[in-house]
């Protein structure tokens, strides 16, 4: 009589991946579980590994979930772990449903260091006692770590990894705690101050075609690299500079990291910080913990400048109305630049797609007369302003358009610090909404099952609600701080005057003034390639080729 060989799978988990050969490292767990399976003469059907994931915090464990599915589907007879704590650190009552499901499927749980768990009542009680001990150990450890971090923060300690650019760490002792504090790094502080000085000095310097603007991030990065100014690692890049000049710690603020989720090539997800946001007290004011490197006024002026550069440069680019302000795009997605012709009528905006680049939406080039496009856009804006009635509550689309323009206008007349704070707070509202949606998705996936899970879910929802209410209150307070109302009659004061003619506001405005006005009311202008008629392109049909995306509020 032959005995069927039992199928065994290893489950390996490490909440913080270790590359060494310590007892708890993933490598050591794999070797130990594989060794036991070999000694027992079982068939090793695979390793299920969760790296950098806790078995206690309630976060998703993809490998664990696959393991349970495969086991209950009849593909696994034995699950082997290094310690029972690798399997679960949940409270026993929350882990019990999974254990009972495995027992009903005839799957045995074996620990390398604690032995096999029998499928009778004695084995179940023994397992629950071990799970209780693992949960208490993890819970106590988490409480201790949290309390230690709180004590370090209260003592002014820095608990992050490498210090941010501009700072170094010093270590001292206070009340029995070893504390790392952030202090200014003189050499790096000077670099930051020079960068801010260069940006603010050249905010109004005209752009010279074909060259780096001296006040742009690209121009500053090129200059720093040319002069051999060191970074922490590698060469200066625009992304490096943007991260440094956007970090609120350089004006003394305490911060929270802002994370985003990315996908690896294998489809698994990971999180990484993409920036920092100022922490706020009960009144919504930033919490100050460091000595500022630059003044708050300069910092907020630069943030306002950076915000305006998203989607395209805001640096002056000669006499072209639409080039370089981040609104003019070809239908293929590339920006359009002004190309000077032999005559004013032949000067055109042309697609910036490089030769040899993948062709999308159109073949060959795409261009449109500068004069005709600028006249068309200006007349569309003015026509809408003439016809809008701010007092008509039923004209919702127009009112939303004016509201979006009002917000942008407020940002231009509000002091830079308040304007930056408003943008930050509005972004926080979006983050809270995304956090809330993720929370409910996790609940639907079963992450918050059991009494403990339901209690924790309710606490998380309440915490988000409190943060949203505090943020909305602060926004309302800032917006109510005497922001002047936007009056369309500023630009269309008389119906008897051509709204873009020589006697109009538009006709007497400078290029920068026209640009500022256009940014208030327009998000994007998209130009399609001229249609072919009679073997020749018809470049004159501007109305059919141009699509204007009107300004919308940040929540849209």
Protein backbone atom coordinates (compact mmCIF):
# COMPACT_ATOMS: atom_id res chain seq x y z
CA UNK A 1 0.00 0.00 0.00
CA UNK A 2 1.41 3.38 -0.98
CA UNK A 3 0.98 6.59 0.99
CA UNK A 4 0.31 9.80 -0.92
CA UNK A 5 3.07 12.34 -0.33
CA UNK A 6 1.76 15.35 1.58
CA UNK A 7 2.03 18.74 -0.12
CA UNK A 8 3.59 21.44 2.06
CA UNK A 9 3.99 25.20 1.51
CA UNK A 10 6.23 27.65 3.36
CA UNK A 11 4.84 30.97 4.55
CA UNK A 12 7.48 33.65 5.13
CA UNK A 13 6.82 37.14 6.47
CA UNK A 14 9.05 39.95 7.66
CA UNK A 15 7.53 43.30 8.63
CA UNK A 16 10.86 45.02 7.90
CA UNK A 17 12.94 43.16 5.36
CA UNK A 18 16.40 42.20 6.56
CA UNK A 19 19.22 41.49 4.17
CA UNK A 20 21.36 39.82 6.84
CA UNK A 21 21.36 36.22 8.05
CA UNK A 22 19.63 36.86 11.37
CA UNK A 23 17.15 34.32 12.66
CA UNK A 24 14.11 36.32 11.61
CA UNK A 25 15.31 37.27 8.12
CA UNK A 26 13.31 36.01 5.11
CA UNK A 27 16.27 33.92 3.98
CA UNK A 28 16.56 32.22 7.37
CA UNK A 29 12.80 31.55 7.46
CA UNK A 30 12.90 29.99 3.98
CA UNK A 31 15.84 27.75 4.89
CA UNK A 32 14.24 26.63 8.18
CA UNK A 33 10.82 25.83 6.71
CA UNK A 34 12.33 24.09 3.66
CA UNK A 35 14.57 22.02 5.96
CA UNK A 36 11.62 20.81 8.04
CA UNK A 37 9.63 19.91 4.90
CA UNK A 38 12.60 17.91 3.56
CA UNK A 39 13.08 16.08 6.88
CA UNK A 40 9.41 15.12 6.98
CA UNK A 41 9.55 13.82 3.41
CA UNK A 42 6.83 16.15 2.22
CA UNK A 43 6.53 17.63 -1.26
CA UNK A 44 7.52 21.33 -1.17
CA UNK A 45 4.94 23.02 -3.41
CA UNK A 46 6.08 26.61 -2.96
CA UNK A 47 7.04 29.60 -0.83
CA UNK A 48 4.48 32.32 -0.09
CA UNK A 49 6.34 35.44 0.98
CA UNK A 50 5.14 38.83 2.26
CA UNK A 51 8.07 41.24 2.62
CA UNK A 52 7.82 44.46 4.59
CA UNK A 53 4.28 43.63 5.74
CA UNK A 54 2.96 43.33 9.28
CA UNK A 55 0.63 40.52 10.35
CA UNK A 56 -0.93 42.81 12.96
CA UNK A 57 -1.70 46.17 11.42
CA UNK A 58 -4.56 45.00 9.19
CA UNK A 59 -2.84 45.86 5.92
CA UNK A 60 -3.31 43.58 2.94
CA UNK A 61 -1.06 40.49 2.78
CA UNK A 62 -1.27 39.32 -0.85
CA UNK A 63 0.90 36.21 -0.44
CA UNK A 64 -1.01 35.17 2.70
CA UNK A 65 -4.32 35.58 0.88
CA UNK A 66 -3.08 33.41 -2.01
CA UNK A 67 -1.88 30.81 0.48
CA UNK A 68 -5.28 30.55 2.16
CA UNK A 69 -7.07 30.37 -1.21
CA UNK A 70 -4.77 27.60 -2.47
CA UNK A 71 -5.01 25.67 0.80
CA UNK A 72 -8.80 25.76 1.03
CA UNK A 73 -9.01 24.85 -2.68
CA UNK A 74 -7.24 21.56 -1.90
CA UNK A 75 -3.80 22.32 -3.35
CA UNK A 76 -1.93 22.32 0.00
CA UNK A 77 -2.02 19.84 2.89
CA UNK A 78 0.44 21.49 5.30
CA UNK A 79 1.40 25.12 5.97
CA UNK A 80 4.85 25.51 7.53
CA UNK A 81 5.92 28.68 9.34
CA UNK A 82 9.02 29.64 11.32
CA UNK A 83 7.00 30.83 14.33
CA UNK A 84 3.23 31.05 14.80
CA UNK A 85 3.67 34.83 14.98
CA UNK A 86 4.70 34.76 11.28
CA UNK A 87 1.22 33.43 10.50
CA UNK A 88 -0.78 36.04 12.42
CA UNK A 89 -0.49 38.75 15.07
CA UNK A 90 -4.20 39.51 15.08
CA UNK A 91 -6.30 38.98 18.17
CA UNK A 92 -7.27 35.28 18.34
CA UNK A 93 -10.96 36.06 17.83
CA UNK A 94 -10.12 37.83 14.56
CA UNK A 95 -7.76 35.06 13.35
CA UNK A 96 -10.08 32.21 14.39
CA UNK A 97 -12.28 32.23 11.21
CA UNK A 98 -9.23 31.60 9.02
CA UNK A 99 -7.96 28.83 11.31
CA UNK A 100 -11.34 27.05 11.37
CA UNK A 101 -11.57 27.33 7.58
CA UNK A 102 -8.17 25.64 7.24
CA UNK A 103 -9.15 22.90 9.68
CA UNK A 104 -12.38 22.19 7.78
CA UNK A 105 -10.27 21.85 4.62
CA UNK A 106 -7.98 19.36 6.40
CA UNK A 107 -4.94 21.65 6.26
CA UNK A 108 -2.43 21.32 9.10
CA UNK A 109 -0.39 24.23 10.51
CA UNK A 110 3.19 23.42 11.57
CA UNK A 111 5.74 25.70 13.26
CA UNK A 112 9.45 24.96 12.89
CA UNK A 113 10.14 26.06 16.47
CA UNK A 114 6.82 25.24 18.16
CA UNK A 115 5.80 21.99 16.53
CA UNK A 116 2.64 20.82 14.79
CA UNK A 117 -0.83 22.01 15.68
CA UNK A 118 -3.22 19.08 16.04
CA UNK A 119 -6.72 19.35 14.61
CA UNK A 120 -8.48 18.47 17.89
CA UNK A 121 -9.76 20.78 20.64
CA UNK A 122 -6.45 20.62 22.55
CA UNK A 123 -4.53 21.72 19.45
CA UNK A 124 -6.97 24.54 18.77
CA UNK A 125 -6.74 25.85 22.34
CA UNK A 126 -2.93 25.62 22.21
CA UNK A 127 -2.89 27.58 18.94
CA UNK A 128 -5.20 30.27 20.31
CA UNK A 129 -2.97 30.68 23.37
CA UNK A 130 0.08 31.12 21.14
CA UNK A 131 -1.76 33.64 18.96
CA UNK A 132 -2.82 35.55 22.07
CA UNK A 133 0.80 35.71 23.23
CA UNK A 134 1.96 36.86 19.76
CA UNK A 135 -0.74 39.55 19.62
CA UNK A 136 0.07 40.85 23.11
CA UNK A 137 3.78 40.96 22.27
CA UNK A 138 3.11 42.90 19.05
CA UNK A 139 0.59 45.21 20.71
CA UNK A 140 2.97 46.03 23.55
CA UNK A 141 5.83 46.60 21.12
CA UNK A 142 3.69 48.93 18.98
CA UNK A 143 2.60 50.91 22.04
CA UNK A 144 6.20 51.19 23.23
CA UNK A 145 7.45 52.36 19.82
CA UNK A 146 4.61 54.88 19.52
CA UNK A 147 5.24 56.24 23.01
CA UNK A 148 8.99 56.48 22.35
CA UNK A 149 8.43 58.40 19.12
CA UNK A 150 6.02 60.77 20.87
CA UNK A 151 8.57 61.39 23.62
CA UNK A 152 11.29 62.02 21.04
CA UNK A 153 9.08 64.45 19.14
CA UNK A 154 8.14 66.31 22.32
CA UNK A 155 11.83 66.60 23.11
CA UNK A 156 12.48 68.10 19.66
CA UNK A 157 13.99 64.93 18.23
CA UNK A 158 14.15 63.93 14.57
CA UNK A 159 12.96 60.37 13.98
CA UNK A 160 13.28 60.15 10.19
CA UNK A 161 16.07 58.63 8.12
CA UNK A 162 18.61 60.79 6.32
CA UNK A 163 18.21 64.48 7.23
CA UNK A 164 16.65 66.72 4.57
CA UNK A 165 18.92 68.82 2.38
CA UNK A 166 20.04 71.88 4.33
CA UNK A 167 20.22 70.02 7.63
CA UNK A 168 22.55 67.70 9.52
CA UNK A 169 21.83 65.74 12.69
CA UNK A 170 23.47 66.00 16.09
CA UNK A 171 22.92 63.54 18.92
CA UNK A 172 22.45 64.36 22.58
CA UNK A 173 20.74 62.88 25.64
CA UNK A 174 17.78 64.25 27.59
CA UNK A 175 15.81 62.47 30.35
CA UNK A 176 17.37 59.16 29.43
CA UNK A 177 16.50 59.48 25.74
CA UNK A 178 19.07 59.56 22.95
CA UNK A 179 17.82 62.32 20.67
CA UNK A 180 18.76 63.20 17.09
CA UNK A 181 18.18 66.88 16.35
CA UNK A 182 18.20 68.68 13.03
CA UNK A 183 20.62 71.60 12.76
CA UNK A 184 21.62 73.73 9.79
CA UNK A 185 24.30 72.39 7.46
CA UNK A 186 26.14 75.66 6.63
CA UNK A 187 27.28 74.67 3.13
CA UNK A 188 23.88 73.35 2.08
CA UNK A 189 22.05 76.27 3.69
CA UNK A 190 24.05 78.66 1.51
CA UNK A 191 23.12 76.68 -1.62
CA UNK A 192 19.41 76.88 -0.73
CA UNK A 193 19.60 80.61 -0.07
CA UNK A 194 21.45 81.16 -3.35
CA UNK A 195 18.80 79.16 -5.23
CA UNK A 196 15.97 81.20 -3.72
CA UNK A 197 17.85 84.41 -4.44
CA UNK A 198 18.34 83.43 -8.08
CA UNK A 199 14.68 82.53 -8.58
CA UNK A 200 13.33 85.73 -7.04
CA UNK A 201 15.91 87.87 -8.88
CA UNK A 202 14.92 86.55 -12.31
CA UNK A 203 11.14 86.22 -11.96
CA UNK A 204 10.68 89.02 -14.52
CA UNK A 205 13.72 88.28 -16.71
CA UNK A 206 12.64 87.64 -20.34
CA UNK A 207 13.19 84.16 -21.75
CA UNK A 208 15.82 83.93 -24.49
CA UNK A 209 14.93 81.27 -27.02
CA UNK A 210 17.28 78.28 -27.11
CA UNK A 211 18.88 79.00 -23.73
CA UNK A 212 18.18 78.02 -20.12
CA UNK A 213 16.42 80.82 -18.31
CA UNK A 214 18.74 81.83 -15.41
CA UNK A 215 15.83 81.76 -12.96
CA UNK A 216 14.29 78.46 -14.06
CA UNK A 217 14.94 75.23 -12.17
CA UNK A 218 16.61 73.79 -15.28
CA UNK A 219 18.85 76.85 -15.57
CA UNK A 220 19.79 76.75 -11.88
CA UNK A 221 20.50 73.00 -12.00
CA UNK A 222 22.75 73.49 -15.04
CA UNK A 223 24.61 76.31 -13.27
CA UNK A 224 25.11 74.27 -10.07
CA UNK A 225 26.44 71.31 -12.06
CA UNK A 226 28.76 73.56 -14.09
CA UNK A 227 30.20 75.06 -10.89
CA UNK A 228 30.65 71.63 -9.31
CA UNK A 229 28.34 72.29 -6.34
CA UNK A 230 27.75 68.85 -4.81
CA UNK A 231 24.42 67.20 -4.06
CA UNK A 232 24.00 64.34 -1.60
CA UNK A 233 24.37 62.01 -4.56
CA UNK A 234 24.64 62.43 -8.31
CA UNK A 235 24.10 65.54 -10.40
CA UNK A 236 21.59 68.30 -9.81
CA UNK A 237 18.23 67.65 -11.49
CA UNK A 238 15.06 69.72 -11.78
CA UNK A 239 13.21 67.16 -9.64
CA UNK A 240 15.89 67.42 -6.93
CA UNK A 241 15.65 71.21 -6.84
CA UNK A 242 11.86 71.19 -6.84
CA UNK A 243 11.78 68.81 -3.86
CA UNK A 244 14.25 70.94 -1.88
CA UNK A 245 12.64 74.35 -2.51
CA UNK A 246 9.15 72.91 -1.80
CA UNK A 247 10.06 71.39 1.58
CA UNK A 248 8.32 73.36 4.39
CA UNK A 249 11.09 72.39 6.80
CA UNK A 250 13.31 75.08 5.29
CA UNK A 251 10.97 77.69 6.82
CA UNK A 252 10.89 75.86 10.15
CA UNK A 253 7.67 73.84 9.81
CA UNK A 254 7.12 70.38 11.21
CA UNK A 255 5.86 68.13 8.41
CA UNK A 256 4.01 64.98 7.45
CA UNK A 257 5.16 63.02 4.42
CA UNK A 258 2.81 62.81 1.43
CA UNK A 259 2.86 59.35 -0.17
CA UNK A 260 1.81 57.95 -3.51
CA UNK A 261 1.30 54.34 -4.60
CA UNK A 262 3.38 52.96 -7.45
CA UNK A 263 3.42 49.59 -9.20
CA UNK A 264 6.43 47.35 -9.70
CA UNK A 265 7.04 45.43 -12.92
CA UNK A 266 5.55 42.31 -11.34
CA UNK A 267 2.30 44.17 -10.61
CA UNK A 268 2.82 44.49 -6.85
CA UNK A 269 2.36 47.90 -5.27
CA UNK A 270 4.58 49.98 -3.02
CA UNK A 271 4.39 53.44 -1.50
CA UNK A 272 6.97 56.21 -1.67
CA UNK A 273 7.03 59.79 -0.39
CA UNK A 274 6.49 62.46 -3.03
CA UNK A 275 6.63 65.54 -0.83
CA UNK A 276 5.94 67.04 2.56
CA UNK A 277 3.02 68.97 4.02
CA UNK A 278 3.10 71.29 7.01
CA UNK A 279 1.60 70.01 10.24
CA UNK A 280 -0.98 72.31 11.78
CA UNK A 281 -2.15 73.09 15.29
CA UNK A 282 -5.78 73.24 16.45
CA UNK A 283 -6.17 76.70 14.89
CA UNK A 284 -4.81 75.55 11.53
CA UNK A 285 -1.47 77.30 11.94
CA UNK A 286 1.81 75.60 10.92
CA UNK A 287 3.75 73.96 13.77
CA UNK A 288 7.23 75.53 14.02
CA UNK A 289 10.07 73.25 15.16
CA UNK A 290 13.19 74.31 13.21
CA UNK A 291 15.22 77.45 12.65
CA UNK A 292 14.14 78.78 9.21
CA UNK A 293 16.69 78.73 6.37
CA UNK A 294 14.82 81.23 4.16
CA UNK A 295 12.12 83.74 4.96
CA UNK A 296 8.49 82.68 4.81
CA UNK A 297 7.81 85.49 2.31
CA UNK A 298 10.44 84.20 -0.16
CA UNK A 299 9.33 80.59 0.33
CA UNK A 300 5.68 81.33 -0.41
CA UNK A 301 6.55 83.55 -3.36
CA UNK A 302 8.52 80.68 -4.88
CA UNK A 303 5.70 78.18 -4.17
CA UNK A 304 3.28 80.48 -5.97
CA UNK A 305 5.70 80.65 -8.90
CA UNK A 306 6.12 76.85 -8.96
CA UNK A 307 2.37 76.33 -8.86
CA UNK A 308 1.95 78.54 -11.89
CA UNK A 309 4.59 76.55 -13.81
CA UNK A 310 2.68 73.24 -13.63
CA UNK A 311 1.81 72.20 -17.16
CA UNK A 312 4.12 74.77 -18.72
CA UNK A 313 6.51 77.60 -18.09
CA UNK A 314 5.32 80.92 -16.70
CA UNK A 315 8.53 82.70 -17.65
CA UNK A 316 8.23 85.61 -20.06
CA UNK A 317 8.66 84.52 -23.69
CA UNK A 318 8.74 87.66 -25.84
CA UNK A 319 5.63 89.01 -27.55
CA UNK A 320 3.75 85.72 -27.99
CA UNK A 321 0.45 85.59 -26.10
CA UNK A 322 0.00 81.82 -25.83
CA UNK A 323 3.53 80.33 -25.87
CA UNK A 324 5.03 79.28 -22.58
CA UNK A 325 2.02 79.75 -20.29
CA UNK A 326 1.00 76.10 -20.18
CA UNK A 327 -2.37 76.29 -21.96
CA UNK A 328 -1.71 75.77 -25.69
CA UNK A 329 -1.50 72.16 -26.92
CA UNK A 330 -1.67 70.27 -30.18
CA UNK A 331 -4.25 67.48 -30.48
CA UNK A 332 -1.37 64.98 -30.13
CA UNK A 333 -0.65 66.26 -26.62
CA UNK A 334 2.53 68.21 -27.35
CA UNK A 335 2.80 71.92 -26.63
CA UNK A 336 2.71 74.45 -29.47
CA UNK A 337 5.37 77.13 -29.92
CA UNK A 338 5.41 80.37 -31.88
CA UNK A 339 7.40 80.21 -35.12
CA UNK A 340 8.14 83.56 -36.76
CA UNK A 341 7.34 83.76 -40.48
CA UNK A 342 8.47 86.21 -43.11
CA UNK A 343 5.33 88.28 -42.57
CA UNK A 344 3.06 88.79 -39.54
CA UNK A 345 0.32 86.77 -41.25
CA UNK A 346 2.65 83.78 -41.77
CA UNK A 347 3.79 83.68 -38.14
CA UNK A 348 2.21 80.58 -36.59
CA UNK A 349 1.98 78.38 -33.54
CA UNK A 350 3.36 74.95 -34.44
CA UNK A 351 3.34 71.55 -32.75
CA UNK A 352 6.58 70.96 -30.84
CA UNK A 353 6.67 67.22 -31.55
CA UNK A 354 10.19 66.27 -32.57
CA UNK A 355 10.93 64.69 -35.93
CA UNK A 356 11.00 60.93 -35.63
CA UNK A 357 8.82 60.88 -32.51
CA UNK A 358 5.85 58.45 -32.48
CA UNK A 359 3.02 60.04 -34.45
CA UNK A 360 -0.23 60.40 -32.52
CA UNK A 361 -3.45 62.07 -33.69
CA UNK A 362 -1.88 63.56 -36.83
CA UNK A 363 0.82 62.93 -39.42
CA UNK A 364 3.30 65.59 -40.42
CA UNK A 365 3.23 68.99 -38.79
CA UNK A 366 0.40 70.98 -37.28
CA UNK A 367 0.30 74.77 -37.29
CA UNK A 368 -2.16 77.62 -36.95
CA UNK A 369 -1.92 81.36 -37.58
CA UNK A 370 -0.89 83.24 -34.43
CA UNK A 371 -2.99 86.28 -35.27
CA UNK A 372 -6.13 84.29 -36.05
CA UNK A 373 -5.85 82.00 -33.02
CA UNK A 374 -5.20 84.85 -30.59
CA UNK A 375 -8.10 86.88 -31.99
CA UNK A 376 -10.44 83.86 -31.84
CA UNK A 377 -9.54 83.00 -28.23
CA UNK A 378 -9.86 86.61 -27.07
CA UNK A 379 -13.28 87.00 -28.72
CA UNK A 380 -14.55 83.73 -27.21
CA UNK A 381 -13.57 84.88 -23.72
CA UNK A 382 -15.08 88.33 -24.17
CA UNK A 383 -18.31 86.93 -25.63
CA UNK A 384 -18.74 84.68 -22.63
CA UNK A 385 -18.06 87.53 -20.21
CA UNK A 386 -20.59 89.77 -21.98
CA UNK A 387 -23.32 87.11 -21.83
CA UNK A 388 -22.76 85.82 -18.30
CA UNK A 389 -25.13 87.01 -15.58
CA UNK A 390 -23.67 86.55 -12.08
CA UNK A 391 -27.14 87.17 -10.63
CA UNK A 392 -28.75 84.25 -12.51
CA UNK A 393 -28.67 81.21 -10.17
CA UNK A 394 -29.83 78.86 -12.94
CA UNK A 395 -26.81 79.52 -15.15
CA UNK A 396 -24.81 76.96 -13.16
CA UNK A 397 -22.09 76.37 -15.76
CA UNK A 398 -21.33 80.09 -16.05
CA UNK A 399 -21.38 80.56 -12.28
CA UNK A 400 -18.94 77.67 -11.79
CA UNK A 401 -16.70 79.24 -14.45
CA UNK A 402 -16.75 82.60 -12.66
CA UNK A 403 -16.16 80.88 -9.32
CA UNK A 404 -13.05 79.15 -10.72
CA UNK A 405 -11.79 82.48 -12.09
CA UNK A 406 -12.56 84.14 -8.74
CA UNK A 407 -10.39 81.60 -6.93
CA UNK A 408 -7.51 82.18 -9.34
CA UNK A 409 -7.95 85.93 -9.05
CA UNK A 410 -7.84 85.60 -5.25
CA UNK A 411 -4.53 83.75 -5.54
CA UNK A 412 -3.07 86.65 -7.54
CA UNK A 413 -4.10 89.36 -5.06
CA UNK A 414 -3.75 87.40 -1.81
CA UNK A 415 -0.39 87.60 -0.06
CA UNK A 416 1.87 84.70 -1.12
CA UNK A 417 1.78 83.01 2.31
CA UNK A 418 -2.03 82.87 2.44
CA UNK A 419 -2.26 81.85 -1.22
CA UNK A 420 0.19 78.98 -0.69
CA UNK A 421 -1.68 77.88 2.42
CA UNK A 422 -4.99 77.89 0.54
CA UNK A 423 -3.58 75.71 -2.25
CA UNK A 424 -2.10 73.33 0.32
CA UNK A 425 -5.37 73.08 2.25
CA UNK A 426 -7.39 72.41 -0.91
CA UNK A 427 -4.94 69.67 -1.85
CA UNK A 428 -5.35 68.19 1.63
CA UNK A 429 -9.12 67.94 1.12
CA UNK A 430 -8.48 65.86 -1.99
CA UNK A 431 -6.08 63.64 -0.05
CA UNK A 432 -8.65 63.11 2.71
CA UNK A 433 -11.31 62.11 0.17
CA UNK A 434 -8.91 59.60 -1.42
CA UNK A 435 -8.03 58.30 2.04
CA UNK A 436 -11.72 57.86 2.87
CA UNK A 437 -12.40 55.98 -0.38
CA UNK A 438 -9.44 53.67 0.27
CA UNK A 439 -10.71 53.05 3.80
CA UNK A 440 -14.13 51.92 2.54
CA UNK A 441 -12.50 49.80 -0.17
CA UNK A 442 -10.40 48.06 2.50
CA UNK A 443 -13.52 47.46 4.57
CA UNK A 444 -15.30 45.94 1.57
CA UNK A 445 -12.29 43.66 1.03
CA UNK A 446 -12.66 42.34 4.59
CA UNK A 447 -9.64 44.00 6.17
CA UNK A 448 -11.69 45.43 9.04
CA UNK A 449 -13.56 42.25 9.99
CA UNK A 450 -14.26 41.34 13.61
CA UNK A 451 -15.09 43.52 16.58
CA UNK A 452 -11.59 44.99 16.74
CA UNK A 453 -11.61 45.73 13.01
CA UNK A 454 -15.01 47.44 13.15
CA UNK A 455 -13.90 49.58 16.09
CA UNK A 456 -10.71 50.58 14.30
CA UNK A 457 -12.63 51.38 11.11
CA UNK A 458 -14.99 53.69 13.00
CA UNK A 459 -12.03 55.45 14.61
CA UNK A 460 -10.36 55.98 11.22
CA UNK A 461 -13.56 57.40 9.69
CA UNK A 462 -14.05 59.77 12.63
CA UNK A 463 -10.42 60.94 12.42
CA UNK A 464 -10.77 61.75 8.70
CA UNK A 465 -14.03 63.60 9.36
CA UNK A 466 -12.38 65.73 12.03
CA UNK A 467 -9.47 66.61 9.74
CA UNK A 468 -11.84 67.52 6.89
CA UNK A 469 -13.94 69.78 9.14
CA UNK A 470 -10.86 71.55 10.51
CA UNK A 471 -9.44 72.02 7.01
CA UNK A 472 -12.72 73.36 5.60
CA UNK A 473 -13.00 75.81 8.50
CA UNK A 474 -9.49 77.11 7.85
CA UNK A 475 -10.18 77.48 4.11
CA UNK A 476 -13.37 79.43 4.81
CA UNK A 477 -11.49 81.73 7.16
CA UNK A 478 -8.76 82.45 4.61
CA UNK A 479 -11.20 82.93 1.72
CA UNK A 480 -13.25 85.35 3.78
CA UNK A 481 -10.21 87.55 4.41
CA UNK A 482 -11.38 90.43 2.23
CA UNK A 483 -10.85 88.91 -1.21
CA UNK A 484 -12.09 91.47 -3.79
CA UNK A 485 -14.89 90.25 -6.05
CA UNK A 486 -14.16 89.66 -9.71
CA UNK A 487 -16.20 92.02 -11.89
CA UNK A 488 -16.49 91.04 -15.61
CA UNK A 489 -17.01 94.72 -16.48
CA UNK A 490 -13.28 95.22 -15.86
CA UNK A 491 -12.72 93.78 -19.36
CA UNK A 492 -16.06 94.49 -21.12
CA UNK A 493 -17.18 97.87 -19.80
CA UNK A 494 -19.16 98.98 -22.87
CA UNK A 495 -21.28 97.09 -25.38
CA UNK A 496 -20.63 99.81 -27.99
CA UNK A 497 -16.93 99.02 -28.22
CA UNK A 498 -15.37 96.07 -30.04
CA UNK A 499 -14.24 93.94 -27.02
CA UNK A 500 -10.85 93.26 -28.64
CA UNK A 501 -10.61 96.45 -30.72
CA UNK A 502 -8.10 99.30 -30.27
CA UNK A 503 -10.38 101.19 -27.83
CA UNK A 504 -11.08 98.16 -25.61
CA UNK A 505 -9.34 96.91 -22.49
CA UNK A 506 -7.81 94.12 -24.57
CA UNK A 507 -6.57 96.52 -27.22
CA UNK A 508 -4.75 98.66 -24.64
CA UNK A 509 -3.45 95.83 -22.43
CA UNK A 510 0.15 94.61 -22.50
CA UNK A 511 1.03 91.01 -23.34
CA UNK A 512 1.63 90.14 -19.63
CA UNK A 513 -1.75 91.68 -18.71
CA UNK A 514 -3.50 89.68 -21.43
CA UNK A 515 -1.77 86.50 -20.26
CA UNK A 516 -2.85 87.10 -16.67
CA UNK A 517 -6.44 87.62 -17.77
CA UNK A 518 -6.39 84.53 -20.00
CA UNK A 519 -5.08 82.33 -17.17
CA UNK A 520 -8.09 83.28 -15.05
CA UNK A 521 -10.64 81.92 -17.52
CA UNK A 522 -8.94 79.19 -19.57
CA UNK A 523 -7.47 75.82 -18.58
CA UNK A 524 -6.42 74.53 -21.99
CA UNK A 525 -6.54 75.35 -25.70
CA UNK A 526 -6.30 72.35 -28.05
CA UNK A 527 -5.62 72.75 -31.77
CA UNK A 528 -6.29 70.01 -34.31
CA UNK A 529 -4.59 69.67 -37.67
CA UNK A 530 -6.22 71.53 -40.56
CA UNK A 531 -8.57 69.39 -42.63
CA UNK A 532 -7.55 68.52 -46.19
CA UNK A 533 -9.69 70.01 -48.94
CA UNK A 534 -8.95 69.78 -52.64
CA UNK A 535 -5.48 68.40 -52.02
CA UNK A 536 -4.53 71.44 -49.93
CA UNK A 537 -4.81 72.20 -46.25
CA UNK A 538 -7.29 74.87 -45.20
CA UNK A 539 -5.54 76.80 -42.40
CA UNK A 540 -8.30 79.39 -42.00
CA UNK A 541 -11.10 77.42 -40.34
CA UNK A 542 -10.04 78.29 -36.79
CA UNK A 543 -13.44 77.73 -35.20
CA UNK A 544 -13.58 74.04 -36.15
CA UNK A 545 -9.96 73.38 -35.24
CA UNK A 546 -9.79 74.99 -31.80
CA UNK A 547 -11.29 73.61 -28.60
CA UNK A 548 -11.19 75.74 -25.43
CA UNK A 549 -11.38 74.05 -22.03
CA UNK A 550 -12.73 76.67 -19.66
CA UNK A 551 -11.44 77.21 -16.14
CA UNK A 552 -12.81 74.84 -13.51
CA UNK A 553 -12.56 74.78 -9.74
CA UNK A 554 -9.88 72.59 -8.05
CA UNK A 555 -12.48 69.96 -7.10
CA UNK A 556 -13.47 69.36 -10.73
